[in-house]
């Protein structure tokens, strides 16, 4: 993803979840997604989906049973 997209997603996550500790970071060697962190803890991946000219982003987060 481009740096301007990452900045917009970062601001969106912070605003929607009302948490300034969330961060969206670029992924090494990947340009269709970014990583989401809470401080140093990895939370998930945001994938960019540009299907038929309609752009959307999908957030995927795995929750391990040991974390519940």
PDB file of N, CA and C in Angstrom:
ATOM      1  N   UNK A   1       0.835  -1.180   0.000  1.00  0.00           N
ATOM      2  CA  UNK A   1       0.000   0.000   0.000  1.00  0.00           C
ATOM      3  C   UNK A   1       0.876   1.239   0.000  1.00  0.00           C
ATOM      4  N   UNK A   2       0.340   2.273  -0.525  1.00  0.00           N
ATOM      5  CA  UNK A   2       1.070   3.533  -0.583  1.00  0.00           C
ATOM      6  C   UNK A   2       1.044   4.213   0.790  1.00  0.00           C
ATOM      7  N   UNK A   3       2.067   5.021   1.075  1.00  0.00           N
ATOM      8  CA  UNK A   3       2.129   5.702   2.377  1.00  0.00           C
ATOM      9  C   UNK A   3       0.886   6.538   2.708  1.00  0.00           C
ATOM     10  N   UNK A   4       0.276   7.176   1.712  1.00  0.00           N
ATOM     11  CA  UNK A   4      -0.919   7.982   1.994  1.00  0.00           C
ATOM     12  C   UNK A   4      -2.110   7.095   2.384  1.00  0.00           C
ATOM     13  N   UNK A   5      -2.211   5.903   1.800  1.00  0.00           N
ATOM     14  CA  UNK A   5      -3.267   4.956   2.180  1.00  0.00           C
ATOM     15  C   UNK A   5      -3.067   4.476   3.614  1.00  0.00           C
ATOM     16  N   UNK A   6      -1.824   4.191   3.968  1.00  0.00           N
ATOM     17  CA  UNK A   6      -1.513   3.726   5.313  1.00  0.00           C
ATOM     18  C   UNK A   6      -1.843   4.808   6.341  1.00  0.00           C
ATOM     19  N   UNK A   7      -1.535   6.062   6.028  1.00  0.00           N
ATOM     20  CA  UNK A   7      -1.867   7.164   6.942  1.00  0.00           C
ATOM     21  C   UNK A   7      -3.371   7.288   7.134  1.00  0.00           C
ATOM     22  N   UNK A   8      -4.136   7.152   6.058  1.00  0.00           N
ATOM     23  CA  UNK A   8      -5.598   7.234   6.158  1.00  0.00           C
ATOM     24  C   UNK A   8      -6.163   6.081   6.981  1.00  0.00           C
ATOM     25  N   UNK A   9      -5.657   4.878   6.752  1.00  0.00           N
ATOM     26  CA  UNK A   9      -6.107   3.714   7.516  1.00  0.00           C
ATOM     27  C   UNK A   9      -5.727   3.847   8.987  1.00  0.00           C
ATOM     28  N   UNK A  10      -4.524   4.340   9.254  1.00  0.00           N
ATOM     29  CA  UNK A  10      -4.072   4.549  10.623  1.00  0.00           C
ATOM     30  C   UNK A  10      -5.013   5.511  11.353  1.00  0.00           C
ATOM     31  N   UNK A  11      -5.329   6.617  10.721  1.00  0.00           N
ATOM     32  CA  UNK A  11      -6.248   7.596  11.326  1.00  0.00           C
ATOM     33  C   UNK A  11      -7.640   6.992  11.515  1.00  0.00           C
ATOM     34  N   UNK A  12      -8.090   6.206  10.549  1.00  0.00           N
ATOM     35  CA  UNK A  12      -9.409   5.572  10.636  1.00  0.00           C
ATOM     36  C   UNK A  12      -9.485   4.623  11.835  1.00  0.00           C
ATOM     37  N   UNK A  13      -8.496   3.735  11.982  1.00  0.00           N
ATOM     38  CA  UNK A  13      -8.501   2.789  13.094  1.00  0.00           C
ATOM     39  C   UNK A  13      -8.474   3.523  14.431  1.00  0.00           C
ATOM     40  N   UNK A  14      -7.630   4.542  14.552  1.00  0.00           N
ATOM     41  CA  UNK A  14      -7.544   5.300  15.801  1.00  0.00           C
ATOM     42  C   UNK A  14      -8.871   5.976  16.128  1.00  0.00           C
ATOM     43  N   UNK A  15      -9.521   6.526  15.119  1.00  0.00           N
ATOM     44  CA  UNK A  15     -10.791   7.233  15.323  1.00  0.00           C
ATOM     45  C   UNK A  15     -11.926   6.258  15.647  1.00  0.00           C
ATOM     46  N   UNK A  16     -12.074   5.200  14.865  1.00  0.00           N
ATOM     47  CA  UNK A  16     -13.187   4.267  15.035  1.00  0.00           C
ATOM     48  C   UNK A  16     -13.085   3.502  16.358  1.00  0.00           C
ATOM     49  N   UNK A  17     -11.889   3.055  16.716  1.00  0.00           N
ATOM     50  CA  UNK A  17     -11.715   2.289  17.945  1.00  0.00           C
ATOM     51  C   UNK A  17     -11.333   3.171  19.130  1.00  0.00           C
ATOM     52  N   UNK A  18     -11.262   4.475  18.898  1.00  0.00           N
ATOM     53  CA  UNK A  18     -10.950   5.462  19.936  1.00  0.00           C
ATOM     54  C   UNK A  18      -9.726   5.046  20.742  1.00  0.00           C
ATOM     55  N   UNK A  19      -8.660   4.697  20.004  1.00  0.00           N
ATOM     56  CA  UNK A  19      -7.444   4.240  20.652  1.00  0.00           C
ATOM     57  C   UNK A  19      -6.225   4.741  19.878  1.00  0.00           C
ATOM     58  N   UNK A  20      -5.509   5.715  20.434  1.00  0.00           N
ATOM     59  CA  UNK A  20      -4.327   6.249  19.745  1.00  0.00           C
ATOM     60  C   UNK A  20      -3.152   5.278  19.712  1.00  0.00           C
ATOM     61  N   UNK A  21      -3.258   4.149  20.461  1.00  0.00           N
ATOM     62  CA  UNK A  21      -2.187   3.156  20.473  1.00  0.00           C
ATOM     63  C   UNK A  21      -2.166   2.253  19.256  1.00  0.00           C
ATOM     64  N   UNK A  22      -3.222   2.277  18.468  1.00  0.00           N
ATOM     65  CA  UNK A  22      -3.263   1.465  17.249  1.00  0.00           C
ATOM     66  C   UNK A  22      -2.345   2.063  16.192  1.00  0.00           C
ATOM     67  N   UNK A  23      -1.667   1.215  15.447  1.00  0.00           N
ATOM     68  CA  UNK A  23      -0.787   1.660  14.369  1.00  0.00           C
ATOM     69  C   UNK A  23      -0.955   0.765  13.156  1.00  0.00           C
ATOM     70  N   UNK A  24      -0.989   1.375  11.988  1.00  0.00           N
ATOM     71  CA  UNK A  24      -0.994   0.636  10.727  1.00  0.00           C
ATOM     72  C   UNK A  24       0.382   0.834  10.104  1.00  0.00           C
ATOM     73  N   UNK A  25       1.040  -0.286   9.781  1.00  0.00           N
ATOM     74  CA  UNK A  25       2.407  -0.237   9.257  1.00  0.00           C
ATOM     75  C   UNK A  25       2.488  -0.987   7.927  1.00  0.00           C
ATOM     76  N   UNK A  26       3.387  -0.519   7.080  1.00  0.00           N
ATOM     77  CA  UNK A  26       3.636  -1.182   5.796  1.00  0.00           C
ATOM     78  C   UNK A  26       4.217  -2.573   6.044  1.00  0.00           C
ATOM     79  N   UNK A  27       3.906  -3.496   5.151  1.00  0.00           N
ATOM     80  CA  UNK A  27       4.470  -4.846   5.206  1.00  0.00           C
ATOM     81  C   UNK A  27       5.663  -4.938   4.272  1.00  0.00           C
ATOM     82  N   UNK A  28       6.737  -5.560   4.718  1.00  0.00           N
ATOM     83  CA  UNK A  28       7.880  -5.741   3.824  1.00  0.00           C
ATOM     84  C   UNK A  28       7.522  -6.654   2.654  1.00  0.00           C
ATOM     85  N   UNK A  29       7.899  -6.253   1.473  1.00  0.00           N
ATOM     86  CA  UNK A  29       7.720  -7.041   0.244  1.00  0.00           C
ATOM     87  C   UNK A  29       6.270  -7.299  -0.133  1.00  0.00           C
ATOM     88  N   UNK A  30       5.317  -6.608   0.456  1.00  0.00           N
ATOM     89  CA  UNK A  30       3.898  -6.751   0.095  1.00  0.00           C
ATOM     90  C   UNK A  30       3.338  -5.356  -0.186  1.00  0.00           C
ATOM     91  N   UNK A  31       2.595  -5.217  -1.281  1.00  0.00           N
ATOM     92  CA  UNK A  31       2.027  -3.903  -1.587  1.00  0.00           C
ATOM     93  C   UNK A  31       0.501  -3.907  -1.625  1.00  0.00           C
ATOM     94  N   UNK A  32      -0.110  -5.052  -1.261  1.00  0.00           N
ATOM     95  CA  UNK A  32      -1.575  -5.142  -1.272  1.00  0.00           C
ATOM     96  C   UNK A  32      -2.164  -5.171   0.132  1.00  0.00           C
ATOM     97  N   UNK A  33      -1.306  -4.994   1.166  1.00  0.00           N
ATOM     98  CA  UNK A  33      -1.782  -5.095   2.538  1.00  0.00           C
ATOM     99  C   UNK A  33      -0.865  -4.335   3.492  1.00  0.00           C
ATOM    100  N   UNK A  34      -1.354  -4.174   4.725  1.00  0.00           N
ATOM    101  CA  UNK A  34      -0.580  -3.531   5.786  1.00  0.00           C
ATOM    102  C   UNK A  34      -0.866  -4.259   7.091  1.00  0.00           C
ATOM    103  N   UNK A  35       0.006  -4.075   8.085  1.00  0.00           N
ATOM    104  CA  UNK A  35      -0.151  -4.730   9.378  1.00  0.00           C
ATOM    105  C   UNK A  35      -0.735  -3.757  10.393  1.00  0.00           C
ATOM    106  N   UNK A  36      -1.559  -4.283  11.313  1.00  0.00           N
ATOM    107  CA  UNK A  36      -2.151  -3.473  12.367  1.00  0.00           C
ATOM    108  C   UNK A  36      -1.574  -3.931  13.705  1.00  0.00           C
ATOM    109  N   UNK A  37      -1.126  -2.965  14.504  1.00  0.00           N
ATOM    110  CA  UNK A  37      -0.523  -3.233  15.809  1.00  0.00           C
ATOM    111  C   UNK A  37      -1.215  -2.427  16.898  1.00  0.00           C
ATOM    112  N   UNK A  38      -1.182  -2.989  18.112  1.00  0.00           N
ATOM    113  CA  UNK A  38      -1.545  -2.267  19.317  1.00  0.00           C
ATOM    114  C   UNK A  38      -0.255  -2.188  20.115  1.00  0.00           C
ATOM    115  N   UNK A  39       0.396  -1.043  20.073  1.00  0.00           N
ATOM    116  CA  UNK A  39       1.738  -0.944  20.649  1.00  0.00           C
ATOM    117  C   UNK A  39       2.661  -1.860  19.867  1.00  0.00           C
ATOM    118  N   UNK A  40       3.292  -2.805  20.570  1.00  0.00           N
ATOM    119  CA  UNK A  40       4.202  -3.759  19.916  1.00  0.00           C
ATOM    120  C   UNK A  40       3.511  -5.067  19.537  1.00  0.00           C
ATOM    121  N   UNK A  41       2.239  -5.219  19.911  1.00  0.00           N
ATOM    122  CA  UNK A  41       1.525  -6.475  19.663  1.00  0.00           C
ATOM    123  C   UNK A  41       0.832  -6.467  18.302  1.00  0.00           C
ATOM    124  N   UNK A  42       1.138  -7.471  17.496  1.00  0.00           N
ATOM    125  CA  UNK A  42       0.519  -7.627  16.187  1.00  0.00           C
ATOM    126  C   UNK A  42      -0.932  -8.034  16.357  1.00  0.00           C
ATOM    127  N   UNK A  43      -1.854  -7.326  15.671  1.00  0.00           N
ATOM    128  CA  UNK A  43      -3.284  -7.646  15.751  1.00  0.00           C
ATOM    129  C   UNK A  43      -3.815  -8.319  14.499  1.00  0.00           C
ATOM    130  N   UNK A  44      -3.392  -7.859  13.326  1.00  0.00           N
ATOM    131  CA  UNK A  44      -3.934  -8.423  12.104  1.00  0.00           C
ATOM    132  C   UNK A  44      -3.434  -7.724  10.861  1.00  0.00           C
ATOM    133  N   UNK A  45      -4.089  -8.042   9.755  1.00  0.00           N
ATOM    134  CA  UNK A  45      -3.706  -7.535   8.437  1.00  0.00           C
ATOM    135  C   UNK A  45      -4.891  -6.810   7.809  1.00  0.00           C
ATOM    136  N   UNK A  46      -4.599  -5.695   7.156  1.00  0.00           N
ATOM    137  CA  UNK A  46      -5.600  -4.995   6.344  1.00  0.00           C
ATOM    138  C   UNK A  46      -5.235  -5.253   4.888  1.00  0.00           C
ATOM    139  N   UNK A  47      -6.156  -5.860   4.162  1.00  0.00           N
ATOM    140  CA  UNK A  47      -5.941  -6.152   2.746  1.00  0.00           C
ATOM    141  C   UNK A  47      -6.655  -5.123   1.881  1.00  0.00           C
ATOM    142  N   UNK A  48      -5.996  -4.712   0.824  1.00  0.00           N
ATOM    143  CA  UNK A  48      -6.582  -3.792  -0.150  1.00  0.00           C
ATOM    144  C   UNK A  48      -7.266  -4.626  -1.228  1.00  0.00           C
ATOM    145  N   UNK A  49      -8.508  -4.262  -1.545  1.00  0.00           N
ATOM    146  CA  UNK A  49      -9.282  -4.989  -2.552  1.00  0.00           C
ATOM    147  C   UNK A  49      -9.792  -3.985  -3.582  1.00  0.00           C
ATOM    148  N   UNK A  50      -9.229  -4.040  -4.765  1.00  0.00           N
ATOM    149  CA  UNK A  50      -9.640  -3.139  -5.849  1.00  0.00           C
ATOM    150  C   UNK A  50     -10.315  -3.982  -6.927  1.00  0.00           C
ATOM    151  N   UNK A  51     -11.575  -4.281  -6.707  1.00  0.00           N
ATOM    152  CA  UNK A  51     -12.358  -5.146  -7.596  1.00  0.00           C
ATOM    153  C   UNK A  51     -13.239  -4.304  -8.498  1.00  0.00           C
ATOM    154  N   UNK A  52     -13.035  -4.430  -9.785  1.00  0.00           N
ATOM    155  CA  UNK A  52     -13.859  -3.741 -10.786  1.00  0.00           C
ATOM    156  C   UNK A  52     -13.974  -2.240 -10.529  1.00  0.00           C
ATOM    157  N   UNK A  53     -12.865  -1.634 -10.114  1.00  0.00           N
ATOM    158  CA  UNK A  53     -12.844  -0.186  -9.909  1.00  0.00           C
ATOM    159  C   UNK A  53     -13.405   0.279  -8.578  1.00  0.00           C
ATOM    160  N   UNK A  54     -13.889  -0.643  -7.749  1.00  0.00           N
ATOM    161  CA  UNK A  54     -14.392  -0.278  -6.423  1.00  0.00           C
ATOM    162  C   UNK A  54     -13.361  -0.693  -5.380  1.00  0.00           C
ATOM    163  N   UNK A  55     -12.830   0.305  -4.689  1.00  0.00           N
ATOM    164  CA  UNK A  55     -11.779   0.082  -3.708  1.00  0.00           C
ATOM    165  C   UNK A  55     -12.367  -0.134  -2.320  1.00  0.00           C
ATOM    166  N   UNK A  56     -11.896  -1.174  -1.632  1.00  0.00           N
ATOM    167  CA  UNK A  56     -12.291  -1.417  -0.243  1.00  0.00           C
ATOM    168  C   UNK A  56     -11.100  -2.027   0.487  1.00  0.00           C
ATOM    169  N   UNK A  57     -11.213  -2.047   1.808  1.00  0.00           N
ATOM    170  CA  UNK A  57     -10.165  -2.613   2.654  1.00  0.00           C
ATOM    171  C   UNK A  57     -10.808  -3.628   3.590  1.00  0.00           C
ATOM    172  N   UNK A  58     -10.157  -4.772   3.768  1.00  0.00           N
ATOM    173  CA  UNK A  58     -10.665  -5.835   4.634  1.00  0.00           C
ATOM    174  C   UNK A  58      -9.667  -6.091   5.752  1.00  0.00           C
ATOM    175  N   UNK A  59     -10.145  -6.033   6.995  1.00  0.00           N
ATOM    176  CA  UNK A  59      -9.300  -6.277   8.157  1.00  0.00           C
ATOM    177  C   UNK A  59      -9.491  -7.721   8.609  1.00  0.00           C
ATOM    178  N   UNK A  60      -8.399  -8.459   8.763  1.00  0.00           N
ATOM    179  CA  UNK A  60      -8.432  -9.847   9.194  1.00  0.00           C
ATOM    180  C   UNK A  60      -7.621  -9.996  10.476  1.00  0.00           C
ATOM    181  N   UNK A  61      -8.266 -10.563  11.509  1.00  0.00           N
ATOM    182  CA  UNK A  61      -7.617 -10.729  12.802  1.00  0.00           C
ATOM    183  C   UNK A  61      -7.880 -12.139  13.316  1.00  0.00           C
ATOM    184  N   UNK A  62      -6.838 -12.876  13.600  1.00  0.00           N
ATOM    185  CA  UNK A  62      -6.972 -14.208  14.175  1.00  0.00           C
ATOM    186  C   UNK A  62      -6.940 -14.080  15.700  1.00  0.00           C
ATOM    187  N   UNK A  63      -7.812 -14.838  16.379  1.00  0.00           N
ATOM    188  CA  UNK A  63      -7.849 -14.846  17.836  1.00  0.00           C
ATOM    189  C   UNK A  63      -7.578 -16.281  18.287  1.00  0.00           C
ATOM    190  N   UNK A  64      -6.476 -16.466  18.988  1.00  0.00           N
ATOM    191  CA  UNK A  64      -6.122 -17.790  19.474  1.00  0.00           C
ATOM    192  C   UNK A  64      -6.924 -18.141  20.714  1.00  0.00           C
ATOM    193  N   UNK A  65      -7.275 -19.404  20.864  1.00  0.00           N
ATOM    194  CA  UNK A  65      -8.082 -19.804  22.014  1.00  0.00           C
ATOM    195  C   UNK A  65      -7.355 -19.580  23.341  1.00  0.00           C
ATOM    196  N   UNK A  66      -6.019 -19.637  23.327  1.00  0.00           N
ATOM    197  CA  UNK A  66      -5.259 -19.398  24.572  1.00  0.00           C
ATOM    198  C   UNK A  66      -5.323 -17.938  25.017  1.00  0.00           C
ATOM    199  N   UNK A  67      -5.702 -17.050  24.088  1.00  0.00           N
ATOM    200  CA  UNK A  67      -5.822 -15.623  24.422  1.00  0.00           C
ATOM    201  C   UNK A  67      -7.182 -15.264  25.023  1.00  0.00           C
ATOM    202  N   UNK A  68      -8.123 -16.186  24.962  1.00  0.00           N
ATOM    203  CA  UNK A  68      -9.459 -15.887  25.477  1.00  0.00           C
ATOM    204  C   UNK A  68      -9.577 -16.114  26.967  1.00  0.00           C
TER     205      UNK A  68
END
